[in-house]
Amino acid sequence: MLPEPTLRLRFREMTDGDLDRMAALLGDPEVMRYYPRPKTREEAQRWIDWSRRGYAEHGHALWIIETHDGEFVGDCGLTWQPLGDEQRLEVGYHVCPAQQRRGYATEAARACVEHAFDKVGAHQVVAIIHPDNAASRGVAERIGMSLERATRDKCGHPVVVYSRTAGGAA
């Protein structure tokens, strides 16, 4: 089940036909600035495969976000991420550089968090963000998340964890 369309965006599942778009998105140094490095084309295919497994196993993962006219914007969705000794439901998002600073990440992330609470039955959603990523931290704050803590991810990189509980302000 997909999140409800927003005023400007719609969601759809990733397919192998998205490889060129996803390879360009995940291979872009600006988009991947806060990752260890941009992803290769093969890694972008694995990203698509991972998302498709998520749809089958959980009913959610990262979805393609596009305008109602079909213009590719990026990806956004809900994935289970290891954090410490537990799995946490995370909202994640990547927007093409040409589409950034238009509010698309906030709009898509808000729809995904609402979907998590209303359709998935989650009681909490987190965003795991590199501490220096001010843009992503701003998205988390605009969708009603609060800073929970600073920690390290599974690879030992510093991260900040934002969270929002069902019924919390958006």
C-alpha atoms as a PDB file:
ATOM      1  CA  MET A   1       0.000   0.000   0.000  1.00  0.00           C
ATOM      2  CA  LEU A   2       1.349   3.399  -0.988  1.00  0.00           C
ATOM      3  CA  PRO A   3       1.182   6.674   0.915  1.00  0.00           C
ATOM      4  CA  GLU A   4      -1.603   8.977  -0.191  1.00  0.00           C
ATOM      5  CA  PRO A   5      -0.644  11.436  -2.942  1.00  0.00           C
ATOM      6  CA  THR A   6       0.139  14.933  -1.733  1.00  0.00           C
ATOM      7  CA  LEU A   7      -0.785  18.245  -3.307  1.00  0.00           C
ATOM      8  CA  ARG A   8       2.198  18.018  -5.679  1.00  0.00           C
ATOM      9  CA  LEU A   9       3.576  14.476  -5.419  1.00  0.00           C
ATOM     10  CA  ARG A  10       2.616  10.864  -5.907  1.00  0.00           C
ATOM     11  CA  PHE A  11       4.327   7.649  -4.836  1.00  0.00           C
ATOM     12  CA  ARG A  12       4.952   4.403  -6.680  1.00  0.00           C
ATOM     13  CA  GLU A  13       7.007   1.281  -6.163  1.00  0.00           C
ATOM     14  CA  MET A  14      10.490   1.135  -7.646  1.00  0.00           C
ATOM     15  CA  THR A  15      11.044  -1.135 -10.633  1.00  0.00           C
ATOM     16  CA  ASP A  16      14.096  -2.212 -12.587  1.00  0.00           C
ATOM     17  CA  GLY A  17      13.028   0.424 -15.132  1.00  0.00           C
ATOM     18  CA  ASP A  18      14.057   3.076 -12.578  1.00  0.00           C
ATOM     19  CA  LEU A  19      17.719   2.071 -12.638  1.00  0.00           C
ATOM     20  CA  ASP A  20      18.937   5.008 -14.749  1.00  0.00           C
ATOM     21  CA  ARG A  21      17.128   7.551 -12.560  1.00  0.00           C
ATOM     22  CA  MET A  22      18.166   5.916  -9.297  1.00  0.00           C
ATOM     23  CA  ALA A  23      21.781   5.480 -10.427  1.00  0.00           C
ATOM     24  CA  ALA A  24      21.908   9.183 -11.278  1.00  0.00           C
ATOM     25  CA  LEU A  25      20.300  10.148  -7.949  1.00  0.00           C
ATOM     26  CA  LEU A  26      22.377   7.874  -5.720  1.00  0.00           C
ATOM     27  CA  GLY A  27      25.530   8.500  -7.763  1.00  0.00           C
ATOM     28  CA  ASP A  28      25.274  12.275  -7.382  1.00  0.00           C
ATOM     29  CA  PRO A  29      27.984  13.602  -5.031  1.00  0.00           C
ATOM     30  CA  GLU A  30      25.705  16.418  -3.804  1.00  0.00           C
ATOM     31  CA  VAL A  31      22.830  14.056  -2.943  1.00  0.00           C
ATOM     32  CA  MET A  32      25.211  11.606  -1.273  1.00  0.00           C
ATOM     33  CA  ARG A  33      27.374  14.220   0.493  1.00  0.00           C
ATOM     34  CA  TYR A  34      26.615  12.773   3.925  1.00  0.00           C
ATOM     35  CA  TYR A  35      27.067   9.124   2.923  1.00  0.00           C
ATOM     36  CA  PRO A  36      30.496   7.487   2.832  1.00  0.00           C
ATOM     37  CA  ARG A  37      30.465   7.910  -0.970  1.00  0.00           C
ATOM     38  CA  PRO A  38      28.100   8.044  -3.952  1.00  0.00           C
ATOM     39  CA  LYS A  39      26.718   4.700  -5.064  1.00  0.00           C
ATOM     40  CA  THR A  40      27.692   2.871  -8.241  1.00  0.00           C
ATOM     41  CA  ARG A  41      25.160   1.718 -10.824  1.00  0.00           C
ATOM     42  CA  GLU A  42      25.371  -1.813  -9.390  1.00  0.00           C
ATOM     43  CA  GLU A  43      24.735  -0.456  -5.891  1.00  0.00           C
ATOM     44  CA  ALA A  44      21.747   1.498  -7.225  1.00  0.00           C
ATOM     45  CA  GLN A  45      20.349  -1.780  -8.587  1.00  0.00           C
ATOM     46  CA  ARG A  46      20.840  -3.368  -5.161  1.00  0.00           C
ATOM     47  CA  TRP A  47      19.008  -0.342  -3.653  1.00  0.00           C
ATOM     48  CA  ILE A  48      16.046  -1.051  -5.966  1.00  0.00           C
ATOM     49  CA  ASP A  49      16.173  -4.770  -5.117  1.00  0.00           C
ATOM     50  CA  TRP A  50      16.292  -3.937  -1.380  1.00  0.00           C
ATOM     51  CA  SER A  51      13.246  -1.695  -1.736  1.00  0.00           C
ATOM     52  CA  ARG A  52      11.358  -4.371  -3.647  1.00  0.00           C
ATOM     53  CA  ARG A  53      12.120  -6.904  -0.909  1.00  0.00           C
ATOM     54  CA  GLY A  54      10.776  -4.385   1.600  1.00  0.00           C
ATOM     55  CA  TYR A  55       7.477  -4.127  -0.295  1.00  0.00           C
ATOM     56  CA  ALA A  56       7.157  -7.921  -0.266  1.00  0.00           C
ATOM     57  CA  GLU A  57       8.243  -8.441   3.358  1.00  0.00           C
ATOM     58  CA  HIS A  58       6.808  -5.378   5.107  1.00  0.00           C
ATOM     59  CA  GLY A  59       4.450  -3.661   2.672  1.00  0.00           C
ATOM     60  CA  HIS A  60       6.697  -0.586   2.646  1.00  0.00           C
ATOM     61  CA  ALA A  61      10.181   0.570   1.706  1.00  0.00           C
ATOM     62  CA  LEU A  62      11.517   3.491  -0.284  1.00  0.00           C
ATOM     63  CA  TRP A  63       9.146   4.568  -3.034  1.00  0.00           C
ATOM     64  CA  ILE A  64       9.738   6.667  -6.108  1.00  0.00           C
ATOM     65  CA  ILE A  65       8.368  10.179  -5.662  1.00  0.00           C
ATOM     66  CA  GLU A  66       7.310  12.078  -8.744  1.00  0.00           C
ATOM     67  CA  THR A  67       5.145  15.038  -9.602  1.00  0.00           C
ATOM     68  CA  HIS A  68       1.587  14.425 -10.719  1.00  0.00           C
ATOM     69  CA  ASP A  69       2.908  15.066 -14.247  1.00  0.00           C
ATOM     70  CA  GLY A  70       5.307  12.134 -13.851  1.00  0.00           C
ATOM     71  CA  GLU A  71       8.533  14.103 -13.342  1.00  0.00           C
ATOM     72  CA  PHE A  72      11.047  12.153 -11.227  1.00  0.00           C
ATOM     73  CA  VAL A  73      11.797  13.896  -7.927  1.00  0.00           C
ATOM     74  CA  GLY A  74      13.637  11.217  -5.921  1.00  0.00           C
ATOM     75  CA  ASP A  75      12.786   8.550  -3.377  1.00  0.00           C
ATOM     76  CA  CYS A  76      11.149   8.580   0.028  1.00  0.00           C
ATOM     77  CA  GLY A  77       9.742   5.926   2.274  1.00  0.00           C
ATOM     78  CA  LEU A  78       9.839   3.760   5.361  1.00  0.00           C
ATOM     79  CA  THR A  79      12.576   1.233   6.092  1.00  0.00           C
ATOM     80  CA  TRP A  80      13.644  -0.776   9.107  1.00  0.00           C
ATOM     81  CA  GLN A  81      17.086   0.342  10.254  1.00  0.00           C
ATOM     82  CA  PRO A  82      19.373  -1.045  12.956  1.00  0.00           C
ATOM     83  CA  LEU A  83      19.985   1.431  15.752  1.00  0.00           C
ATOM     84  CA  GLY A  84      21.882   0.073  18.692  1.00  0.00           C
ATOM     85  CA  ASP A  85      20.436  -3.318  19.514  1.00  0.00           C
ATOM     86  CA  GLU A  86      17.005  -2.689  17.995  1.00  0.00           C
ATOM     87  CA  GLN A  87      15.315  -2.128  14.651  1.00  0.00           C
ATOM     88  CA  ARG A  88      13.616   1.245  14.210  1.00  0.00           C
ATOM     89  CA  LEU A  89      11.223   2.358  11.480  1.00  0.00           C
ATOM     90  CA  GLU A  90      12.892   5.220   9.646  1.00  0.00           C
ATOM     91  CA  VAL A  91      11.587   7.739   7.157  1.00  0.00           C
ATOM     92  CA  GLY A  92      14.251   8.392   4.528  1.00  0.00           C
ATOM     93  CA  TYR A  93      14.390  10.686   1.527  1.00  0.00           C
ATOM     94  CA  HIS A  94      16.614  11.750  -1.369  1.00  0.00           C
ATOM     95  CA  VAL A  95      15.691  14.535  -3.804  1.00  0.00           C
ATOM     96  CA  CYS A  96      17.376  15.315  -7.130  1.00  0.00           C
ATOM     97  CA  PRO A  97      19.514  18.458  -6.915  1.00  0.00           C
ATOM     98  CA  ALA A  98      17.381  20.234  -9.549  1.00  0.00           C
ATOM     99  CA  GLN A  99      14.295  19.596  -7.378  1.00  0.00           C
ATOM    100  CA  GLN A 100      15.747  20.596  -4.017  1.00  0.00           C
ATOM    101  CA  ARG A 101      14.641  23.609  -1.960  1.00  0.00           C
ATOM    102  CA  ARG A 102      11.038  23.320  -3.159  1.00  0.00           C
ATOM    103  CA  GLY A 103       9.675  21.547  -0.093  1.00  0.00           C
ATOM    104  CA  TYR A 104       9.357  18.177  -1.836  1.00  0.00           C
ATOM    105  CA  ALA A 105      11.320  16.230   0.814  1.00  0.00           C
ATOM    106  CA  THR A 106       9.166  17.693   3.593  1.00  0.00           C
ATOM    107  CA  GLU A 107       5.947  17.010   1.679  1.00  0.00           C
ATOM    108  CA  ALA A 108       6.906  13.411   0.866  1.00  0.00           C
ATOM    109  CA  ALA A 109       8.323  12.640   4.323  1.00  0.00           C
ATOM    110  CA  ARG A 110       5.192  14.006   6.030  1.00  0.00           C
ATOM    111  CA  ALA A 111       3.011  11.739   3.852  1.00  0.00           C
ATOM    112  CA  CYS A 112       5.193   8.736   4.678  1.00  0.00           C
ATOM    113  CA  VAL A 113       5.093   9.386   8.428  1.00  0.00           C
ATOM    114  CA  GLU A 114       1.297   9.752   8.288  1.00  0.00           C
ATOM    115  CA  HIS A 115       1.174   6.492   6.312  1.00  0.00           C
ATOM    116  CA  ALA A 116       3.329   4.807   8.989  1.00  0.00           C
ATOM    117  CA  PHE A 117       0.923   5.836  11.744  1.00  0.00           C
ATOM    118  CA  ASP A 118      -2.377   5.446   9.877  1.00  0.00           C
ATOM    119  CA  LYS A 119      -1.781   2.378   7.681  1.00  0.00           C
ATOM    120  CA  VAL A 120       1.299   0.549   8.955  1.00  0.00           C
ATOM    121  CA  GLY A 121       0.296   0.870  12.613  1.00  0.00           C
ATOM    122  CA  ALA A 122       3.667   2.195  13.756  1.00  0.00           C
ATOM    123  CA  HIS A 123       3.799   3.902  17.141  1.00  0.00           C
ATOM    124  CA  GLN A 124       7.014   5.793  16.349  1.00  0.00           C
ATOM    125  CA  VAL A 125       9.089   6.821  13.325  1.00  0.00           C
ATOM    126  CA  VAL A 126      12.685   8.035  13.364  1.00  0.00           C
ATOM    127  CA  ALA A 127      15.017   9.860  10.997  1.00  0.00           C
ATOM    128  CA  ILE A 128      18.692   8.922  11.296  1.00  0.00           C
ATOM    129  CA  ILE A 129      20.749  11.834   9.981  1.00  0.00           C
ATOM    130  CA  HIS A 130      24.385  12.850   9.697  1.00  0.00           C
ATOM    131  CA  PRO A 131      24.899  15.633  12.276  1.00  0.00           C
ATOM    132  CA  ASP A 132      26.098  18.126   9.635  1.00  0.00           C
ATOM    133  CA  ASN A 133      23.141  17.573   7.289  1.00  0.00           C
ATOM    134  CA  ALA A 134      21.205  20.733   8.113  1.00  0.00           C
ATOM    135  CA  ALA A 135      18.730  20.268   5.252  1.00  0.00           C
ATOM    136  CA  SER A 136      17.640  16.799   6.401  1.00  0.00           C
ATOM    137  CA  ARG A 137      17.512  17.929  10.009  1.00  0.00           C
ATOM    138  CA  GLY A 138      15.226  20.760   8.890  1.00  0.00           C
ATOM    139  CA  VAL A 139      12.915  18.291   7.122  1.00  0.00           C
ATOM    140  CA  ALA A 140      12.713  16.178  10.286  1.00  0.00           C
ATOM    141  CA  GLU A 141      11.848  19.213  12.382  1.00  0.00           C
ATOM    142  CA  ARG A 142       9.241  20.489   9.898  1.00  0.00           C
ATOM    143  CA  ILE A 143       7.398  17.155  10.011  1.00  0.00           C
ATOM    144  CA  GLY A 144       7.153  17.290  13.791  1.00  0.00           C
ATOM    145  CA  MET A 145      10.152  15.212  14.816  1.00  0.00           C
ATOM    146  CA  SER A 146      12.256  16.064  17.834  1.00  0.00           C
ATOM    147  CA  LEU A 147      15.910  15.386  18.472  1.00  0.00           C
ATOM    148  CA  GLU A 148      16.093  12.163  20.469  1.00  0.00           C
ATOM    149  CA  ARG A 149      19.842  11.660  20.764  1.00  0.00           C
ATOM    150  CA  ALA A 150      23.255  11.670  19.159  1.00  0.00           C
ATOM    151  CA  THR A 151      24.820   8.250  18.612  1.00  0.00           C
ATOM    152  CA  ARG A 152      26.664   6.172  16.015  1.00  0.00           C
ATOM    153  CA  ASP A 153      25.208   4.078  13.206  1.00  0.00           C
ATOM    154  CA  LYS A 154      26.015   0.393  12.574  1.00  0.00           C
ATOM    155  CA  CYS A 155      29.235   1.407  10.765  1.00  0.00           C
ATOM    156  CA  GLY A 156      30.360   3.666  13.608  1.00  0.00           C
ATOM    157  CA  HIS A 157      29.562   6.969  11.850  1.00  0.00           C
ATOM    158  CA  PRO A 158      28.135   9.776  14.006  1.00  0.00           C
ATOM    159  CA  VAL A 159      24.386  10.343  13.557  1.00  0.00           C
ATOM    160  CA  VAL A 160      21.574  12.214  15.222  1.00  0.00           C
ATOM    161  CA  VAL A 161      18.248  10.502  15.735  1.00  0.00           C
ATOM    162  CA  TYR A 162      15.016  12.442  15.407  1.00  0.00           C
ATOM    163  CA  SER A 163      11.744  10.786  16.362  1.00  0.00           C
ATOM    164  CA  ARG A 164       8.031  11.334  16.363  1.00  0.00           C
ATOM    165  CA  THR A 165       5.438   9.281  18.169  1.00  0.00           C
ATOM    166  CA  ALA A 166       1.955   8.600  16.816  1.00  0.00           C
ATOM    167  CA  GLY A 167      -0.308  11.447  17.879  1.00  0.00           C
ATOM    168  CA  GLY A 168       2.621  13.850  18.097  1.00  0.00           C
ATOM    169  CA  ALA A 169       2.403  17.274  16.445  1.00  0.00           C
ATOM    170  CA  ALA A 170       3.245  17.475  12.766  1.00  0.00           C
END
